[in-house]
Amino acid sequence: MRKQRLLNDIQKILALNLSIAASFWGLNTQAFAHGGKAEMVSLYQNMSEQGAKVVKDDFTNTYMITKGSMVVRAKPNSDQVLVNGKPFKLSVPLLIKDGKPVIGKDFFNEVFQSGLDQTFKIENTFHPLNSLNSDEIKKTFDVINRSKYAYKNMRFAELKLKEPEKAKVWDYFINHKDFKEDRIASFILLKGNQAIEGEVNLNTQQVTKWNVLKDTHGMVLLDNFEAVQRVIETSKEYQDALRKRGITDVKKVIATPLTVGYFGGKDGLDKQLNLCTR
């Protein structure tokens, strides 16, 4: 009998202690901001209203919030989140209330306007694979224009950086060795029925390659599009053919000039012909 009473007393004491602990925990899970109690809102509802998507990772007990290029990872009861992989301190942590995640009402503005979205930041530091900048593009043209190869109305089909040796790039990136190779601009010029492949050393400012490919047509350029469009709009034969098909306004037809390709003469087509499709 005494033993039973003792067990009952112990159970009452434990129940009281648990009640007190629960009350204490409830008081401590309240969020405060700037010295006052923060206004909390539903994570899912608030993010949905802001156009963001929320996914919970049950394995890590982490909430992933995404919008555009921003990725935010937040854990309950932590005042630190990761914004695109970089730590950011919250004024109000994400909490769990009645089994559902809640956040401070200013969470979205605080996190998504933190300035940590660097997805589209322009790279200003040197890297061997950086594309040609505007100064280098102008320098390439000036070098060619001053060289013995220069001619009027040069039409560039391509102008880009010639990628350096991969091993030397890895040495620079992984082994932190100085990159001492010259920057080389690679280009393709179109001149009549020939294409010209060339290179310009931007350090020495010299044309280092000039390879003429005769009887070759390069890619179709913008002025080709304009020329073909003018031809079909002034062609009586083409307009007559359109009328037979119920089209009376040639201005509504857009021409797309494409190269026919070259198959070694087996198809009987002239190598210089262009195919125009509409």
C-alpha atoms as a PDB file:
ATOM      1  CA  MET A   1       0.000   0.000   0.000  1.00  0.00           C
ATOM      2  CA  ARG A   2       2.770   2.410   0.970  1.00  0.00           C
ATOM      3  CA  LYS A   3       4.658   1.393  -2.127  1.00  0.00           C
ATOM      4  CA  GLN A   4       1.662   2.249  -4.301  1.00  0.00           C
ATOM      5  CA  ARG A   5       1.247   5.645  -2.640  1.00  0.00           C
ATOM      6  CA  LEU A   6       4.947   6.367  -3.152  1.00  0.00           C
ATOM      7  CA  LEU A   7       4.667   5.579  -6.867  1.00  0.00           C
ATOM      8  CA  ASN A   8       1.625   7.856  -7.179  1.00  0.00           C
ATOM      9  CA  ASP A   9       3.485  10.721  -5.457  1.00  0.00           C
ATOM     10  CA  ILE A  10       6.479  10.278  -7.776  1.00  0.00           C
ATOM     11  CA  GLN A  11       4.201  10.362 -10.841  1.00  0.00           C
ATOM     12  CA  LYS A  12       2.553  13.599  -9.601  1.00  0.00           C
ATOM     13  CA  ILE A  13       5.956  15.226  -9.064  1.00  0.00           C
ATOM     14  CA  LEU A  14       7.149  14.184 -12.531  1.00  0.00           C
ATOM     15  CA  ALA A  15       3.942  15.459 -14.118  1.00  0.00           C
ATOM     16  CA  LEU A  16       4.352  18.813 -12.334  1.00  0.00           C
ATOM     17  CA  ASN A  17       7.988  19.110 -13.425  1.00  0.00           C
ATOM     18  CA  LEU A  18       7.088  18.317 -17.047  1.00  0.00           C
ATOM     19  CA  SER A  19       4.321  20.911 -16.942  1.00  0.00           C
ATOM     20  CA  ILE A  20       6.695  23.538 -15.613  1.00  0.00           C
ATOM     21  CA  ALA A  21       9.340  22.598 -18.225  1.00  0.00           C
ATOM     22  CA  ALA A  22       6.784  22.783 -21.021  1.00  0.00           C
ATOM     23  CA  SER A  23       5.665  26.222 -19.846  1.00  0.00           C
ATOM     24  CA  PHE A  24       9.253  27.386 -19.647  1.00  0.00           C
ATOM     25  CA  TRP A  25       9.992  26.036 -23.164  1.00  0.00           C
ATOM     26  CA  GLY A  26       6.902  27.726 -24.526  1.00  0.00           C
ATOM     27  CA  LEU A  27       8.057  31.042 -23.116  1.00  0.00           C
ATOM     28  CA  ASN A  28      11.510  30.593 -24.603  1.00  0.00           C
ATOM     29  CA  THR A  29      10.317  29.693 -28.105  1.00  0.00           C
ATOM     30  CA  GLN A  30       8.698  33.096 -28.479  1.00  0.00           C
ATOM     31  CA  ALA A  31      10.570  35.213 -31.009  1.00  0.00           C
ATOM     32  CA  PHE A  32      11.771  38.683 -30.217  1.00  0.00           C
ATOM     33  CA  ALA A  33      12.989  41.369 -32.587  1.00  0.00           C
ATOM     34  CA  HIS A  34      14.597  44.671 -31.578  1.00  0.00           C
ATOM     35  CA  GLY A  35      13.664  44.060 -27.948  1.00  0.00           C
ATOM     36  CA  GLY A  36       9.974  43.390 -28.622  1.00  0.00           C
ATOM     37  CA  LYS A  37       7.893  40.369 -29.488  1.00  0.00           C
ATOM     38  CA  ALA A  38       8.032  39.651 -33.226  1.00  0.00           C
ATOM     39  CA  GLU A  39       4.970  39.186 -35.385  1.00  0.00           C
ATOM     40  CA  MET A  40       5.084  35.654 -36.782  1.00  0.00           C
ATOM     41  CA  VAL A  41       3.456  34.435 -40.005  1.00  0.00           C
ATOM     42  CA  SER A  42       3.143  31.099 -41.780  1.00  0.00           C
ATOM     43  CA  LEU A  43       6.287  30.208 -43.767  1.00  0.00           C
ATOM     44  CA  TYR A  44       4.419  28.441 -46.566  1.00  0.00           C
ATOM     45  CA  GLN A  45       1.711  31.078 -46.965  1.00  0.00           C
ATOM     46  CA  ASN A  46       4.048  34.073 -46.783  1.00  0.00           C
ATOM     47  CA  MET A  47       6.533  32.637 -49.266  1.00  0.00           C
ATOM     48  CA  SER A  48       3.722  31.649 -51.639  1.00  0.00           C
ATOM     49  CA  GLU A  49       2.452  35.236 -51.574  1.00  0.00           C
ATOM     50  CA  GLN A  50       5.970  36.423 -52.468  1.00  0.00           C
ATOM     51  CA  GLY A  51       6.260  33.969 -55.380  1.00  0.00           C
ATOM     52  CA  ALA A  52       8.795  31.753 -53.612  1.00  0.00           C
ATOM     53  CA  LYS A  53       8.735  27.950 -53.332  1.00  0.00           C
ATOM     54  CA  VAL A  54       9.276  26.048 -50.079  1.00  0.00           C
ATOM     55  CA  VAL A  55      10.419  22.406 -49.849  1.00  0.00           C
ATOM     56  CA  LYS A  56      11.203  20.607 -46.590  1.00  0.00           C
ATOM     57  CA  ASP A  57      14.047  18.115 -46.335  1.00  0.00           C
ATOM     58  CA  ASP A  58      12.867  15.725 -43.610  1.00  0.00           C
ATOM     59  CA  PHE A  59      16.254  14.003 -43.425  1.00  0.00           C
ATOM     60  CA  THR A  60      18.120  17.186 -42.422  1.00  0.00           C
ATOM     61  CA  ASN A  61      15.063  18.960 -40.979  1.00  0.00           C
ATOM     62  CA  THR A  62      15.808  21.907 -43.255  1.00  0.00           C
ATOM     63  CA  TYR A  63      13.492  24.162 -45.228  1.00  0.00           C
ATOM     64  CA  MET A  64      14.718  25.164 -48.705  1.00  0.00           C
ATOM     65  CA  ILE A  65      13.195  28.384 -50.047  1.00  0.00           C
ATOM     66  CA  THR A  66      13.799  29.296 -53.684  1.00  0.00           C
ATOM     67  CA  LYS A  67      12.913  32.234 -55.898  1.00  0.00           C
ATOM     68  CA  GLY A  68      14.693  32.981 -59.148  1.00  0.00           C
ATOM     69  CA  SER A  69      18.421  32.573 -58.551  1.00  0.00           C
ATOM     70  CA  MET A  70      18.091  32.734 -54.753  1.00  0.00           C
ATOM     71  CA  VAL A  71      18.300  29.562 -52.641  1.00  0.00           C
ATOM     72  CA  VAL A  72      17.773  29.902 -48.878  1.00  0.00           C
ATOM     73  CA  ARG A  73      18.224  27.029 -46.409  1.00  0.00           C
ATOM     74  CA  ALA A  74      16.820  27.455 -42.915  1.00  0.00           C
ATOM     75  CA  LYS A  75      16.634  25.203 -39.838  1.00  0.00           C
ATOM     76  CA  PRO A  76      14.061  25.633 -37.061  1.00  0.00           C
ATOM     77  CA  ASN A  77      15.221  27.573 -33.963  1.00  0.00           C
ATOM     78  CA  SER A  78      18.390  28.803 -35.720  1.00  0.00           C
ATOM     79  CA  ASP A  79      18.979  32.510 -36.267  1.00  0.00           C
ATOM     80  CA  GLN A  80      21.350  31.738 -39.145  1.00  0.00           C
ATOM     81  CA  VAL A  81      20.362  30.729 -42.689  1.00  0.00           C
ATOM     82  CA  LEU A  82      22.366  30.023 -45.826  1.00  0.00           C
ATOM     83  CA  VAL A  83      21.673  32.340 -48.749  1.00  0.00           C
ATOM     84  CA  ASN A  84      23.186  30.900 -51.933  1.00  0.00           C
ATOM     85  CA  GLY A  85      25.610  29.039 -49.694  1.00  0.00           C
ATOM     86  CA  LYS A  86      26.639  32.091 -47.651  1.00  0.00           C
ATOM     87  CA  PRO A  87      25.680  32.474 -43.957  1.00  0.00           C
ATOM     88  CA  PHE A  88      23.235  35.216 -43.039  1.00  0.00           C
ATOM     89  CA  LYS A  89      22.042  36.139 -39.528  1.00  0.00           C
ATOM     90  CA  LEU A  90      18.282  36.590 -39.021  1.00  0.00           C
ATOM     91  CA  SER A  91      16.733  39.047 -36.598  1.00  0.00           C
ATOM     92  CA  VAL A  92      13.997  36.441 -35.974  1.00  0.00           C
ATOM     93  CA  PRO A  93      14.639  32.689 -36.397  1.00  0.00           C
ATOM     94  CA  LEU A  94      12.315  30.231 -38.103  1.00  0.00           C
ATOM     95  CA  LEU A  95      10.207  28.488 -35.425  1.00  0.00           C
ATOM     96  CA  ILE A  96       7.779  25.586 -35.264  1.00  0.00           C
ATOM     97  CA  LYS A  97       4.373  26.495 -33.827  1.00  0.00           C
ATOM     98  CA  ASP A  98       1.624  23.886 -33.524  1.00  0.00           C
ATOM     99  CA  GLY A  99       3.691  21.629 -35.782  1.00  0.00           C
ATOM    100  CA  LYS A 100       3.965  24.235 -38.565  1.00  0.00           C
ATOM    101  CA  PRO A 101       6.902  26.498 -39.532  1.00  0.00           C
ATOM    102  CA  VAL A 102       6.510  30.222 -38.874  1.00  0.00           C
ATOM    103  CA  ILE A 103       8.787  33.163 -39.644  1.00  0.00           C
ATOM    104  CA  GLY A 104       8.992  36.837 -38.786  1.00  0.00           C
ATOM    105  CA  LYS A 105       6.854  38.994 -41.064  1.00  0.00           C
ATOM    106  CA  ASP A 106       9.988  40.743 -42.353  1.00  0.00           C
ATOM    107  CA  PHE A 107      11.777  37.485 -43.231  1.00  0.00           C
ATOM    108  CA  PHE A 108      11.374  37.844 -47.014  1.00  0.00           C
ATOM    109  CA  ASN A 109      12.612  41.440 -47.215  1.00  0.00           C
ATOM    110  CA  GLU A 110      15.426  40.714 -44.795  1.00  0.00           C
ATOM    111  CA  VAL A 111      16.754  37.658 -46.642  1.00  0.00           C
ATOM    112  CA  PHE A 112      15.926  38.292 -50.281  1.00  0.00           C
ATOM    113  CA  GLN A 113      17.252  41.850 -50.170  1.00  0.00           C
ATOM    114  CA  SER A 114      20.423  40.876 -48.335  1.00  0.00           C
ATOM    115  CA  GLY A 115      22.652  41.516 -51.345  1.00  0.00           C
ATOM    116  CA  LEU A 116      23.941  37.925 -51.293  1.00  0.00           C
ATOM    117  CA  ASP A 117      22.509  37.082 -54.715  1.00  0.00           C
ATOM    118  CA  GLN A 118      25.677  37.214 -56.831  1.00  0.00           C
ATOM    119  CA  THR A 119      24.491  34.924 -59.632  1.00  0.00           C
ATOM    120  CA  PHE A 120      24.781  37.664 -62.243  1.00  0.00           C
ATOM    121  CA  LYS A 121      27.729  39.542 -60.814  1.00  0.00           C
ATOM    122  CA  ILE A 122      30.156  40.634 -63.530  1.00  0.00           C
ATOM    123  CA  GLU A 123      33.572  39.095 -62.976  1.00  0.00           C
ATOM    124  CA  ASN A 124      36.179  41.842 -62.823  1.00  0.00           C
ATOM    125  CA  THR A 125      39.113  39.782 -61.539  1.00  0.00           C
ATOM    126  CA  PHE A 126      41.548  38.159 -63.936  1.00  0.00           C
ATOM    127  CA  HIS A 127      40.998  34.592 -65.075  1.00  0.00           C
ATOM    128  CA  PRO A 128      42.657  32.906 -68.094  1.00  0.00           C
ATOM    129  CA  LEU A 129      39.245  31.950 -69.510  1.00  0.00           C
ATOM    130  CA  ASN A 130      37.600  35.363 -69.209  1.00  0.00           C
ATOM    131  CA  SER A 131      35.931  36.305 -72.487  1.00  0.00           C
ATOM    132  CA  LEU A 132      37.335  39.127 -74.594  1.00  0.00           C
ATOM    133  CA  ASN A 133      36.275  42.464 -73.160  1.00  0.00           C
ATOM    134  CA  SER A 134      35.267  45.479 -75.231  1.00  0.00           C
ATOM    135  CA  ASP A 135      38.802  46.921 -75.189  1.00  0.00           C
ATOM    136  CA  GLU A 136      40.282  43.635 -76.426  1.00  0.00           C
ATOM    137  CA  ILE A 137      37.696  43.368 -79.211  1.00  0.00           C
ATOM    138  CA  LYS A 138      38.526  46.911 -80.368  1.00  0.00           C
ATOM    139  CA  LYS A 139      42.247  46.170 -80.109  1.00  0.00           C
ATOM    140  CA  THR A 140      41.835  43.054 -82.293  1.00  0.00           C
ATOM    141  CA  PHE A 141      40.134  45.084 -85.016  1.00  0.00           C
ATOM    142  CA  ASP A 142      42.763  47.832 -84.824  1.00  0.00           C
ATOM    143  CA  VAL A 143      45.632  45.321 -85.105  1.00  0.00           C
ATOM    144  CA  ILE A 144      44.092  43.704 -88.200  1.00  0.00           C
ATOM    145  CA  ASN A 145      43.266  47.107 -89.682  1.00  0.00           C
ATOM    146  CA  ARG A 146      46.901  48.214 -89.349  1.00  0.00           C
ATOM    147  CA  SER A 147      48.310  44.969 -90.743  1.00  0.00           C
ATOM    148  CA  LYS A 148      49.171  44.048 -94.318  1.00  0.00           C
ATOM    149  CA  TYR A 149      46.048  41.876 -94.423  1.00  0.00           C
ATOM    150  CA  ALA A 150      43.601  44.734 -93.948  1.00  0.00           C
ATOM    151  CA  TYR A 151      40.862  45.422 -96.508  1.00  0.00           C
ATOM    152  CA  LYS A 152      37.678  47.477 -96.615  1.00  0.00           C
ATOM    153  CA  ASN A 153      34.393  46.283 -95.140  1.00  0.00           C
ATOM    154  CA  MET A 154      35.753  43.414 -93.085  1.00  0.00           C
ATOM    155  CA  ARG A 155      32.847  41.146 -92.053  1.00  0.00           C
ATOM    156  CA  PHE A 156      33.479  39.233 -88.839  1.00  0.00           C
ATOM    157  CA  ALA A 157      31.605  35.951 -88.534  1.00  0.00           C
ATOM    158  CA  GLU A 158      33.322  35.119 -85.242  1.00  0.00           C
ATOM    159  CA  LEU A 159      35.591  36.839 -82.731  1.00  0.00           C
ATOM    160  CA  LYS A 160      36.447  35.149 -79.433  1.00  0.00           C
ATOM    161  CA  LEU A 161      39.224  34.233 -77.025  1.00  0.00           C
ATOM    162  CA  LYS A 162      41.445  31.365 -78.118  1.00  0.00           C
ATOM    163  CA  GLU A 163      41.377  29.118 -75.070  1.00  0.00           C
ATOM    164  CA  PRO A 164      44.841  28.535 -73.564  1.00  0.00           C
ATOM    165  CA  GLU A 165      46.265  25.107 -72.796  1.00  0.00           C
ATOM    166  CA  LYS A 166      44.103  23.316 -70.239  1.00  0.00           C
ATOM    167  CA  ALA A 167      47.103  22.155 -68.179  1.00  0.00           C
ATOM    168  CA  LYS A 168      48.273  25.746 -67.675  1.00  0.00           C
ATOM    169  CA  VAL A 169      44.770  26.854 -66.684  1.00  0.00           C
ATOM    170  CA  TRP A 170      44.636  24.061 -64.080  1.00  0.00           C
ATOM    171  CA  ASP A 171      48.053  25.106 -62.768  1.00  0.00           C
ATOM    172  CA  TYR A 172      46.752  28.627 -62.306  1.00  0.00           C
ATOM    173  CA  PHE A 173      43.459  27.584 -60.722  1.00  0.00           C
ATOM    174  CA  ILE A 174      44.524  24.634 -58.543  1.00  0.00           C
ATOM    175  CA  ASN A 175      48.236  25.103 -57.956  1.00  0.00           C
ATOM    176  CA  HIS A 176      48.047  28.940 -57.845  1.00  0.00           C
ATOM    177  CA  LYS A 177      50.854  29.312 -60.359  1.00  0.00           C
ATOM    178  CA  ASP A 178      51.221  32.588 -62.247  1.00  0.00           C
ATOM    179  CA  PHE A 179      49.582  32.554 -65.666  1.00  0.00           C
ATOM    180  CA  LYS A 180      52.047  34.084 -68.098  1.00  0.00           C
ATOM    181  CA  GLU A 181      50.550  33.100 -71.453  1.00  0.00           C
ATOM    182  CA  ASP A 182      49.568  35.825 -73.928  1.00  0.00           C
ATOM    183  CA  ARG A 183      45.916  36.540 -74.618  1.00  0.00           C
ATOM    184  CA  ILE A 184      45.025  35.414 -78.170  1.00  0.00           C
ATOM    185  CA  ALA A 185      41.955  36.551 -80.100  1.00  0.00           C
ATOM    186  CA  SER A 186      40.620  34.053 -82.654  1.00  0.00           C
ATOM    187  CA  PHE A 187      38.506  35.315 -85.562  1.00  0.00           C
ATOM    188  CA  ILE A 188      36.773  34.338 -88.799  1.00  0.00           C
ATOM    189  CA  LEU A 189      36.330  36.863 -91.594  1.00  0.00           C
ATOM    190  CA  LEU A 190      34.112  36.478 -94.664  1.00  0.00           C
ATOM    191  CA  LYS A 191      35.353  37.899 -97.951  1.00  0.00           C
ATOM    192  CA  GLY A 192      33.481  37.046-101.147  1.00  0.00           C
ATOM    193  CA  ASN A 193      33.609  33.303-101.734  1.00  0.00           C
ATOM    194  CA  GLN A 194      36.254  32.698 -99.114  1.00  0.00           C
ATOM    195  CA  ALA A 195      36.539  32.536 -95.334  1.00  0.00           C
ATOM    196  CA  ILE A 196      39.601  33.662 -93.418  1.00  0.00           C
ATOM    197  CA  GLU A 197      40.613  32.059 -90.120  1.00  0.00           C
ATOM    198  CA  GLY A 198      43.037  34.129 -88.097  1.00  0.00           C
ATOM    199  CA  GLU A 199      44.517  35.011 -84.720  1.00  0.00           C
ATOM    200  CA  VAL A 200      45.780  38.177 -83.069  1.00  0.00           C
ATOM    201  CA  ASN A 201      48.229  38.209 -80.165  1.00  0.00           C
ATOM    202  CA  LEU A 202      46.824  40.927 -77.906  1.00  0.00           C
ATOM    203  CA  ASN A 203      50.070  41.250 -75.939  1.00  0.00           C
ATOM    204  CA  THR A 204      52.375  41.770 -78.919  1.00  0.00           C
ATOM    205  CA  GLN A 205      49.556  43.307 -81.010  1.00  0.00           C
ATOM    206  CA  GLN A 206      50.450  41.235 -84.067  1.00  0.00           C
ATOM    207  CA  VAL A 207      48.442  39.098 -86.487  1.00  0.00           C
ATOM    208  CA  THR A 208      49.895  35.632 -85.860  1.00  0.00           C
ATOM    209  CA  LYS A 209      47.616  33.582 -88.121  1.00  0.00           C
ATOM    210  CA  TRP A 210      45.921  34.322 -91.460  1.00  0.00           C
ATOM    211  CA  ASN A 211      44.556  31.226 -93.209  1.00  0.00           C
ATOM    212  CA  VAL A 212      42.456  31.786 -96.350  1.00  0.00           C
ATOM    213  CA  LEU A 213      39.886  29.072 -97.157  1.00  0.00           C
ATOM    214  CA  LYS A 214      38.934  29.499-100.811  1.00  0.00           C
ATOM    215  CA  ASP A 215      35.525  28.579-102.246  1.00  0.00           C
ATOM    216  CA  THR A 216      34.093  28.497 -98.760  1.00  0.00           C
ATOM    217  CA  HIS A 217      31.020  30.196 -97.377  1.00  0.00           C
ATOM    218  CA  GLY A 218      30.897  31.022 -93.678  1.00  0.00           C
ATOM    219  CA  MET A 219      27.876  31.353 -91.437  1.00  0.00           C
ATOM    220  CA  VAL A 220      24.881  33.423 -92.552  1.00  0.00           C
ATOM    221  CA  LEU A 221      25.102  36.938 -91.106  1.00  0.00           C
ATOM    222  CA  LEU A 222      22.482  39.577 -90.395  1.00  0.00           C
ATOM    223  CA  ASP A 223      23.038  41.404 -93.677  1.00  0.00           C
ATOM    224  CA  ASN A 224      22.294  38.114 -95.497  1.00  0.00           C
ATOM    225  CA  PHE A 225      18.893  38.022 -93.816  1.00  0.00           C
ATOM    226  CA  GLU A 226      18.203  41.608 -94.883  1.00  0.00           C
ATOM    227  CA  ALA A 227      19.336  40.983 -98.474  1.00  0.00           C
ATOM    228  CA  VAL A 228      17.163  37.871 -98.920  1.00  0.00           C
ATOM    229  CA  GLN A 229      14.147  39.674 -97.468  1.00  0.00           C
ATOM    230  CA  ARG A 230      14.590  42.525 -99.947  1.00  0.00           C
ATOM    231  CA  VAL A 231      14.858  40.054-102.833  1.00  0.00           C
ATOM    232  CA  ILE A 232      11.610  38.208-102.094  1.00  0.00           C
ATOM    233  CA  GLU A 233       9.700  41.433-101.459  1.00  0.00           C
ATOM    234  CA  THR A 234      10.660  42.813-104.898  1.00  0.00           C
ATOM    235  CA  SER A 235      10.367  39.531-106.834  1.00  0.00           C
ATOM    236  CA  LYS A 236       7.276  39.383-109.080  1.00  0.00           C
ATOM    237  CA  GLU A 237       7.709  35.630-109.576  1.00  0.00           C
ATOM    238  CA  TYR A 238       7.759  35.032-105.824  1.00  0.00           C
ATOM    239  CA  GLN A 239       4.672  37.188-105.273  1.00  0.00           C
ATOM    240  CA  ASP A 240       2.813  35.325-108.029  1.00  0.00           C
ATOM    241  CA  ALA A 241       3.666  32.028-106.365  1.00  0.00           C
ATOM    242  CA  LEU A 242       2.365  33.356-103.044  1.00  0.00           C
ATOM    243  CA  ARG A 243      -0.953  34.440-104.598  1.00  0.00           C
ATOM    244  CA  LYS A 244      -1.536  30.894-105.862  1.00  0.00           C
ATOM    245  CA  ARG A 245      -1.337  29.838-102.241  1.00  0.00           C
ATOM    246  CA  GLY A 246      -3.707  32.525-100.974  1.00  0.00           C
ATOM    247  CA  ILE A 247      -1.076  34.973 -99.716  1.00  0.00           C
ATOM    248  CA  THR A 248      -1.474  38.473-101.132  1.00  0.00           C
ATOM    249  CA  ASP A 249       0.770  40.453 -98.778  1.00  0.00           C
ATOM    250  CA  VAL A 250       4.450  39.580 -99.207  1.00  0.00           C
ATOM    251  CA  LYS A 251       5.279  41.682 -96.139  1.00  0.00           C
ATOM    252  CA  LYS A 252       3.737  38.934 -94.017  1.00  0.00           C
ATOM    253  CA  VAL A 253       6.332  36.437 -95.243  1.00  0.00           C
ATOM    254  CA  ILE A 254       9.648  36.236 -93.382  1.00  0.00           C
ATOM    255  CA  ALA A 255      12.580  34.633 -95.190  1.00  0.00           C
ATOM    256  CA  THR A 256      15.197  32.591 -93.342  1.00  0.00           C
ATOM    257  CA  PRO A 257      18.401  32.139 -95.358  1.00  0.00           C
ATOM    258  CA  LEU A 258      20.305  28.965 -94.531  1.00  0.00           C
ATOM    259  CA  THR A 259      23.409  27.452 -96.100  1.00  0.00           C
ATOM    260  CA  VAL A 260      22.642  24.290 -98.058  1.00  0.00           C
ATOM    261  CA  GLY A 261      25.792  22.537 -96.882  1.00  0.00           C
ATOM    262  CA  TYR A 262      28.364  20.901 -99.147  1.00  0.00           C
ATOM    263  CA  PHE A 263      28.400  17.191 -99.926  1.00  0.00           C
ATOM    264  CA  GLY A 264      31.394  16.943-102.218  1.00  0.00           C
ATOM    265  CA  GLY A 265      29.380  17.757-105.353  1.00  0.00           C
ATOM    266  CA  LYS A 266      27.356  14.513-105.215  1.00  0.00           C
ATOM    267  CA  ASP A 267      24.071  16.429-104.917  1.00  0.00           C
ATOM    268  CA  GLY A 268      24.826  18.567-107.981  1.00  0.00           C
ATOM    269  CA  LEU A 269      24.390  21.833-106.059  1.00  0.00           C
ATOM    270  CA  ASP A 270      26.710  24.794-106.473  1.00  0.00           C
ATOM    271  CA  LYS A 271      28.858  25.208-103.376  1.00  0.00           C
ATOM    272  CA  GLN A 272      28.045  28.927-103.227  1.00  0.00           C
ATOM    273  CA  LEU A 273      24.262  28.593-103.271  1.00  0.00           C
ATOM    274  CA  ASN A 274      22.127  29.578-100.298  1.00  0.00           C
ATOM    275  CA  LEU A 275      18.824  27.959 -99.523  1.00  0.00           C
ATOM    276  CA  CYS A 276      16.008  30.311 -98.569  1.00  0.00           C
ATOM    277  CA  THR A 277      13.123  28.930 -96.527  1.00  0.00           C
ATOM    278  CA  ARG A 278      10.102  30.820 -95.261  1.00  0.00           C
END
